[in-house]
PDB file of N, CA and C in Angstrom:
ATOM      1  N   MET A   1      -7.729-149.839 -70.015  1.00  0.00           N
ATOM      2  CA  MET A   1      -8.707-149.533 -69.583  1.00  0.00           C
ATOM      3  C   MET A   1      -9.375-149.775 -70.783  1.00  0.00           C
ATOM      4  N   PRO A   2      -9.943-150.210 -71.835  1.00  0.00           N
ATOM      5  CA  PRO A   2     -10.741-149.670 -73.679  1.00  0.00           C
ATOM      6  C   PRO A   2     -11.959-148.345 -73.266  1.00  0.00           C
ATOM      7  N   GLY A   3     -12.468-148.403 -73.918  1.00  0.00           N
ATOM      8  CA  GLY A   3     -13.509-147.462 -73.742  1.00  0.00           C
ATOM      9  C   GLY A   3     -12.845-146.233 -74.473  1.00  0.00           C
ATOM     10  N   MET A   4     -13.946-144.947 -74.001  1.00  0.00           N
ATOM     11  CA  MET A   4     -13.646-142.996 -73.327  1.00  0.00           C
ATOM     12  C   MET A   4     -12.456-142.919 -73.039  1.00  0.00           C
ATOM     13  N   THR A   5     -11.370-142.250 -73.536  1.00  0.00           N
ATOM     14  CA  THR A   5      -9.900-141.489 -73.844  1.00  0.00           C
ATOM     15  C   THR A   5     -10.389-140.175 -73.209  1.00  0.00           C
ATOM     16  N   PHE A   6      -9.660-139.944 -72.181  1.00  0.00           N
ATOM     17  CA  PHE A   6      -8.989-138.099 -72.014  1.00  0.00           C
ATOM     18  C   PHE A   6      -9.118-137.429 -73.574  1.00  0.00           C
ATOM     19  N   GLU A   7      -8.614-138.169 -74.400  1.00  0.00           N
ATOM     20  CA  GLU A   7      -8.499-137.536 -75.673  1.00  0.00           C
ATOM     21  C   GLU A   7      -9.832-136.764 -76.339  1.00  0.00           C
ATOM     22  N   GLU A   8     -10.857-138.209 -75.995  1.00  0.00           N
ATOM     23  CA  GLU A   8     -11.517-138.107 -76.730  1.00  0.00           C
ATOM     24  C   GLU A   8     -12.981-137.002 -76.253  1.00  0.00           C
ATOM     25  N   ILE A   9     -12.740-136.932 -74.665  1.00  0.00           N
ATOM     26  CA  ILE A   9     -13.155-136.033 -73.397  1.00  0.00           C
ATOM     27  C   ILE A   9     -12.814-134.316 -73.859  1.00  0.00           C
ATOM     28  N   LYS A  10     -10.896-134.352 -73.741  1.00  0.00           N
ATOM     29  CA  LYS A  10     -10.599-132.748 -74.841  1.00  0.00           C
ATOM     30  C   LYS A  10     -11.516-132.587 -75.752  1.00  0.00           C
ATOM     31  N   ALA A  11     -11.637-133.575 -76.851  1.00  0.00           N
ATOM     32  CA  ALA A  11     -11.390-132.932 -77.952  1.00  0.00           C
ATOM     33  C   ALA A  11     -13.282-132.296 -78.160  1.00  0.00           C
ATOM     34  N   HIS A  12     -13.873-133.293 -77.796  1.00  0.00           N
ATOM     35  CA  HIS A  12     -15.444-132.949 -77.168  1.00  0.00           C
ATOM     36  C   HIS A  12     -15.720-131.836 -76.414  1.00  0.00           C
ATOM     37  N   TYR A  13     -15.630-131.377 -75.859  1.00  0.00           N
ATOM     38  CA  TYR A  13     -14.972-130.117 -74.923  1.00  0.00           C
ATOM     39  C   TYR A  13     -13.816-129.072 -74.644  1.00  0.00           C
ATOM     40  N   LYS A  14     -13.736-128.772 -75.901  1.00  0.00           N
ATOM     41  CA  LYS A  14     -12.198-128.397 -76.084  1.00  0.00           C
ATOM     42  C   LYS A  14     -11.308-128.263 -75.303  1.00  0.00           C
ATOM     43  N   THR A  15     -11.904-127.470 -74.300  1.00  0.00           N
ATOM     44  CA  THR A  15     -10.197-127.519 -72.817  1.00  0.00           C
ATOM     45  C   THR A  15     -10.712-128.880 -72.196  1.00  0.00           C
ATOM     46  N   VAL A  16      -9.465-128.544 -70.341  1.00  0.00           N
ATOM     47  CA  VAL A  16      -9.554-129.274 -69.882  1.00  0.00           C
ATOM     48  C   VAL A  16     -10.562-128.772 -68.722  1.00  0.00           C
ATOM     49  N   GLU A  17     -11.075-127.115 -69.394  1.00  0.00           N
ATOM     50  CA  GLU A  17     -10.782-126.523 -67.929  1.00  0.00           C
ATOM     51  C   GLU A  17     -12.622-126.337 -68.106  1.00  0.00           C
ATOM     52  N   LYS A  18     -13.305-126.587 -69.240  1.00  0.00           N
ATOM     53  CA  LYS A  18     -14.382-126.453 -70.331  1.00  0.00           C
ATOM     54  C   LYS A  18     -15.870-128.207 -69.259  1.00  0.00           C
ATOM     55  N   ALA A  19     -14.219-129.156 -69.612  1.00  0.00           N
ATOM     56  CA  ALA A  19     -14.245-131.103 -69.581  1.00  0.00           C
ATOM     57  C   ALA A  19     -14.359-130.134 -67.299  1.00  0.00           C
ATOM     58  N   LYS A  20     -13.867-130.228 -67.199  1.00  0.00           N
ATOM     59  CA  LYS A  20     -14.110-129.651 -66.070  1.00  0.00           C
ATOM     60  C   LYS A  20     -15.652-128.416 -65.280  1.00  0.00           C
ATOM     61  N   ALA A  21     -15.507-128.131 -66.124  1.00  0.00           N
ATOM     62  CA  ALA A  21     -16.792-127.403 -65.259  1.00  0.00           C
ATOM     63  C   ALA A  21     -18.047-127.975 -65.703  1.00  0.00           C
ATOM     64  N   ALA A  22     -18.732-127.854 -66.798  1.00  0.00           N
ATOM     65  CA  ALA A  22     -19.863-129.205 -67.458  1.00  0.00           C
ATOM     66  C   ALA A  22     -19.368-130.290 -67.051  1.00  0.00           C
ATOM     67  N   LEU A  23     -18.831-131.246 -66.381  1.00  0.00           N
ATOM     68  CA  LEU A  23     -19.387-132.507 -65.359  1.00  0.00           C
ATOM     69  C   LEU A  23     -19.196-132.465 -63.476  1.00  0.00           C
ATOM     70  N   GLY A  24     -18.778-130.672 -63.580  1.00  0.00           N
ATOM     71  CA  GLY A  24     -19.363-130.833 -62.094  1.00  0.00           C
ATOM     72  C   GLY A  24     -17.882-130.981 -61.804  1.00  0.00           C
ATOM     73  N   LEU A  25     -16.321-130.817 -61.640  1.00  0.00           N
ATOM     74  CA  LEU A  25     -14.892-131.616 -60.837  1.00  0.00           C
ATOM     75  C   LEU A  25     -14.965-130.321 -60.079  1.00  0.00           C
ATOM     76  N   ARG A  26     -14.524-130.669 -59.303  1.00  0.00           N
ATOM     77  CA  ARG A  26     -13.184-129.418 -58.501  1.00  0.00           C
ATOM     78  C   ARG A  26     -11.989-129.233 -59.277  1.00  0.00           C
ATOM     79  N   SER A  27     -11.590-130.238 -59.663  1.00  0.00           N
ATOM     80  CA  SER A  27     -10.208-130.226 -60.094  1.00  0.00           C
ATOM     81  C   SER A  27     -10.087-131.058 -61.356  1.00  0.00           C
ATOM     82  N   LYS A  28      -9.194-129.991 -62.365  1.00  0.00           N
ATOM     83  CA  LYS A  28      -8.283-130.258 -63.567  1.00  0.00           C
ATOM     84  C   LYS A  28      -7.591-131.370 -63.513  1.00  0.00           C
ATOM     85  N   GLN A  29      -7.977-131.692 -62.224  1.00  0.00           N
ATOM     86  CA  GLN A  29      -6.573-132.994 -62.197  1.00  0.00           C
ATOM     87  C   GLN A  29      -7.318-134.293 -61.455  1.00  0.00           C
ATOM     88  N   THR A  30      -8.216-134.659 -61.887  1.00  0.00           N
ATOM     89  CA  THR A  30      -9.148-135.804 -62.075  1.00  0.00           C
ATOM     90  C   THR A  30      -9.390-135.999 -63.276  1.00  0.00           C
ATOM     91  N   ILE A  31      -9.494-134.888 -64.488  1.00  0.00           N
ATOM     92  CA  ILE A  31      -9.358-135.325 -66.025  1.00  0.00           C
ATOM     93  C   ILE A  31      -8.433-135.572 -66.232  1.00  0.00           C
ATOM     94  N   TYR A  32      -7.083-135.460 -65.871  1.00  0.00           N
ATOM     95  CA  TYR A  32      -5.246-135.404 -66.218  1.00  0.00           C
ATOM     96  C   TYR A  32      -5.729-137.418 -65.275  1.00  0.00           C
ATOM     97  N   ASN A  33      -5.519-137.392 -64.382  1.00  0.00           N
ATOM     98  CA  ASN A  33      -5.798-138.632 -64.216  1.00  0.00           C
ATOM     99  C   ASN A  33      -6.154-140.031 -64.767  1.00  0.00           C
ATOM    100  N   TRP A  34      -7.535-139.884 -65.435  1.00  0.00           N
ATOM    101  CA  TRP A  34      -8.326-140.447 -66.350  1.00  0.00           C
ATOM    102  C   TRP A  34      -6.919-140.296 -67.904  1.00  0.00           C
ATOM    103  N   ARG A  35      -6.075-139.453 -68.395  1.00  0.00           N
ATOM    104  CA  ARG A  35      -5.533-140.038 -69.358  1.00  0.00           C
ATOM    105  C   ARG A  35      -4.272-140.624 -69.387  1.00  0.00           C
ATOM    106  N   ASP A  36      -3.449-140.710 -67.744  1.00  0.00           N
ATOM    107  CA  ASP A  36      -2.732-141.646 -67.084  1.00  0.00           C
ATOM    108  C   ASP A  36      -3.170-143.167 -66.871  1.00  0.00           C
ATOM    109  N   ASN A  37      -4.222-142.691 -66.437  1.00  0.00           N
ATOM    110  CA  ASN A  37      -5.382-143.739 -65.827  1.00  0.00           C
ATOM    111  C   ASN A  37      -5.896-145.428 -66.750  1.00  0.00           C
ATOM    112  N   GLY A  38      -7.083-144.331 -67.549  1.00  0.00           N
ATOM    113  CA  GLY A  38      -8.160-144.793 -67.574  1.00  0.00           C
ATOM    114  C   GLY A  38      -8.568-144.123 -67.112  1.00  0.00           C
ATOM    115  N   VAL A  39     -10.625-143.804 -68.037  1.00  0.00           N
ATOM    116  CA  VAL A  39     -11.599-142.617 -67.512  1.00  0.00           C
ATOM    117  C   VAL A  39     -12.567-144.000 -66.888  1.00  0.00           C
ATOM    118  N   PRO A  40     -12.747-144.061 -65.854  1.00  0.00           N
ATOM    119  CA  PRO A  40     -13.548-144.977 -64.503  1.00  0.00           C
ATOM    120  C   PRO A  40     -15.002-144.907 -65.676  1.00  0.00           C
ATOM    121  N   ASP A  41     -15.125-146.486 -65.390  1.00  0.00           N
ATOM    122  CA  ASP A  41     -16.608-146.451 -66.048  1.00  0.00           C
ATOM    123  C   ASP A  41     -17.809-145.677 -65.256  1.00  0.00           C
ATOM    124  N   GLY A  42     -17.618-145.368 -63.654  1.00  0.00           N
ATOM    125  CA  GLY A  42     -18.665-145.188 -63.638  1.00  0.00           C
ATOM    126  C   GLY A  42     -18.872-143.595 -64.446  1.00  0.00           C
ATOM    127  N   TRP A  43     -18.288-143.042 -64.917  1.00  0.00           N
ATOM    128  CA  TRP A  43     -17.606-142.167 -65.239  1.00  0.00           C
ATOM    129  C   TRP A  43     -17.899-141.916 -66.953  1.00  0.00           C
ATOM    130  N   GLN A  44     -17.260-142.663 -67.578  1.00  0.00           N
ATOM    131  CA  GLN A  44     -17.535-142.562 -68.643  1.00  0.00           C
ATOM    132  C   GLN A  44     -19.896-143.285 -69.378  1.00  0.00           C
ATOM    133  N   ALA A  45     -19.413-143.554 -68.411  1.00  0.00           N
ATOM    134  CA  ALA A  45     -21.454-143.754 -68.442  1.00  0.00           C
ATOM    135  C   ALA A  45     -22.409-142.577 -68.545  1.00  0.00           C
ATOM    136  N   ILE A  46     -21.723-141.781 -67.320  1.00  0.00           N
ATOM    137  CA  ILE A  46     -22.369-139.931 -67.125  1.00  0.00           C
ATOM    138  C   ILE A  46     -21.973-139.447 -68.181  1.00  0.00           C
ATOM    139  N   ILE A  47     -20.529-139.452 -68.444  1.00  0.00           N
ATOM    140  CA  ILE A  47     -20.099-139.011 -69.867  1.00  0.00           C
ATOM    141  C   ILE A  47     -20.864-139.174 -71.029  1.00  0.00           C
ATOM    142  N   GLN A  48     -21.717-140.522 -71.792  1.00  0.00           N
ATOM    143  CA  GLN A  48     -21.937-140.538 -72.376  1.00  0.00           C
ATOM    144  C   GLN A  48     -23.281-140.165 -72.491  1.00  0.00           C
ATOM    145  N   LEU A  49     -23.727-140.329 -71.335  1.00  0.00           N
ATOM    146  CA  LEU A  49     -24.870-139.903 -70.921  1.00  0.00           C
ATOM    147  C   LEU A  49     -25.125-138.523 -70.523  1.00  0.00           C
ATOM    148  N   GLN A  50     -24.084-137.616 -70.675  1.00  0.00           N
ATOM    149  CA  GLN A  50     -24.513-136.524 -70.381  1.00  0.00           C
ATOM    150  C   GLN A  50     -24.482-135.692 -71.840  1.00  0.00           C
ATOM    151  N   THR A  51     -23.478-135.416 -73.308  1.00  0.00           N
ATOM    152  CA  THR A  51     -23.263-136.207 -74.095  1.00  0.00           C
ATOM    153  C   THR A  51     -24.401-136.366 -75.291  1.00  0.00           C
ATOM    154  N   ARG A  52     -25.253-137.206 -74.844  1.00  0.00           N
ATOM    155  CA  ARG A  52     -26.211-137.600 -75.130  1.00  0.00           C
ATOM    156  C   ARG A  52     -25.452-138.560 -76.301  1.00  0.00           C
ATOM    157  N   GLY A  53     -24.600-139.388 -75.658  1.00  0.00           N
ATOM    158  CA  GLY A  53     -24.336-141.050 -77.022  1.00  0.00           C
ATOM    159  C   GLY A  53     -22.661-140.280 -77.910  1.00  0.00           C
ATOM    160  N   LYS A  54     -22.651-138.862 -78.179  1.00  0.00           N
ATOM    161  CA  LYS A  54     -21.155-138.518 -78.534  1.00  0.00           C
ATOM    162  C   LYS A  54     -19.753-138.756 -77.984  1.00  0.00           C
ATOM    163  N   LEU A  55     -19.961-138.946 -77.369  1.00  0.00           N
ATOM    164  CA  LEU A  55     -18.889-139.679 -76.851  1.00  0.00           C
ATOM    165  C   LEU A  55     -19.350-141.572 -75.376  1.00  0.00           C
ATOM    166  N   LYS A  56     -19.065-142.385 -75.727  1.00  0.00           N
ATOM    167  CA  LYS A  56     -19.521-144.362 -76.266  1.00  0.00           C
ATOM    168  C   LYS A  56     -18.635-144.174 -74.629  1.00  0.00           C
ATOM    169  N   ALA A  57     -18.983-144.829 -73.615  1.00  0.00           N
ATOM    170  CA  ALA A  57     -18.579-145.671 -72.578  1.00  0.00           C
ATOM    171  C   ALA A  57     -18.533-147.635 -73.006  1.00  0.00           C
ATOM    172  N   ASP A  58     -16.810-147.474 -72.885  1.00  0.00           N
ATOM    173  CA  ASP A  58     -17.172-148.888 -72.700  1.00  0.00           C
ATOM    174  C   ASP A  58     -17.949-149.567 -72.700  1.00  0.00           C
ATOM    175  N   LYS A  59     -19.058-151.405 -73.249  1.00  0.00           N
ATOM    176  CA  LYS A  59     -20.631-151.989 -72.733  1.00  0.00           C
ATOM    177  C   LYS A  59     -19.816-151.881 -71.044  1.00  0.00           C
ATOM    178  N   PRO A  60     -18.703-152.323 -70.581  1.00  0.00           N
ATOM    179  CA  PRO A  60     -19.836-152.833 -69.168  1.00  0.00           C
ATOM    180  C   PRO A  60     -19.237-151.258 -68.932  1.00  0.00           C
ATOM    181  N   ALA A  61     -19.211-150.882 -69.032  1.00  0.00           N
ATOM    182  CA  ALA A  61     -19.170-148.903 -67.847  1.00  0.00           C
ATOM    183  C   ALA A  61     -20.536-148.987 -68.070  1.00  0.00           C
ATOM    184  N   ILE A  62     -21.556-149.146 -68.698  1.00  0.00           N
ATOM    185  CA  ILE A  62     -23.219-148.914 -69.416  1.00  0.00           C
ATOM    186  C   ILE A  62     -23.826-150.333 -68.230  1.00  0.00           C
ATOM    187  N   GLN A  63     -23.429-151.520 -68.283  1.00  0.00           N
ATOM    188  CA  GLN A  63     -23.714-152.657 -67.871  1.00  0.00           C
ATOM    189  C   GLN A  63     -23.184-152.460 -66.310  1.00  0.00           C
ATOM    190  N   SER A  64     -22.623-151.485 -65.601  1.00  0.00           N
ATOM    191  CA  SER A  64     -22.566-151.646 -63.942  1.00  0.00           C
ATOM    192  C   SER A  64     -23.587-150.875 -63.996  1.00  0.00           C
TER     193      SER A  64
END
């Protein structure tokens, strides 16, 4: 799955713990799953909106 990566998310939020809190997730494991399986389109779109475009979603993620 092309587009936003785990590494970009971690760099933006500084830590996985801070990303988890900012995104309202219960578990850091969700974000670690993105490292292995790619960031789902829906989450890419949410993160792009939340970061005001600092992180960019893959085009199909925005169109979904």
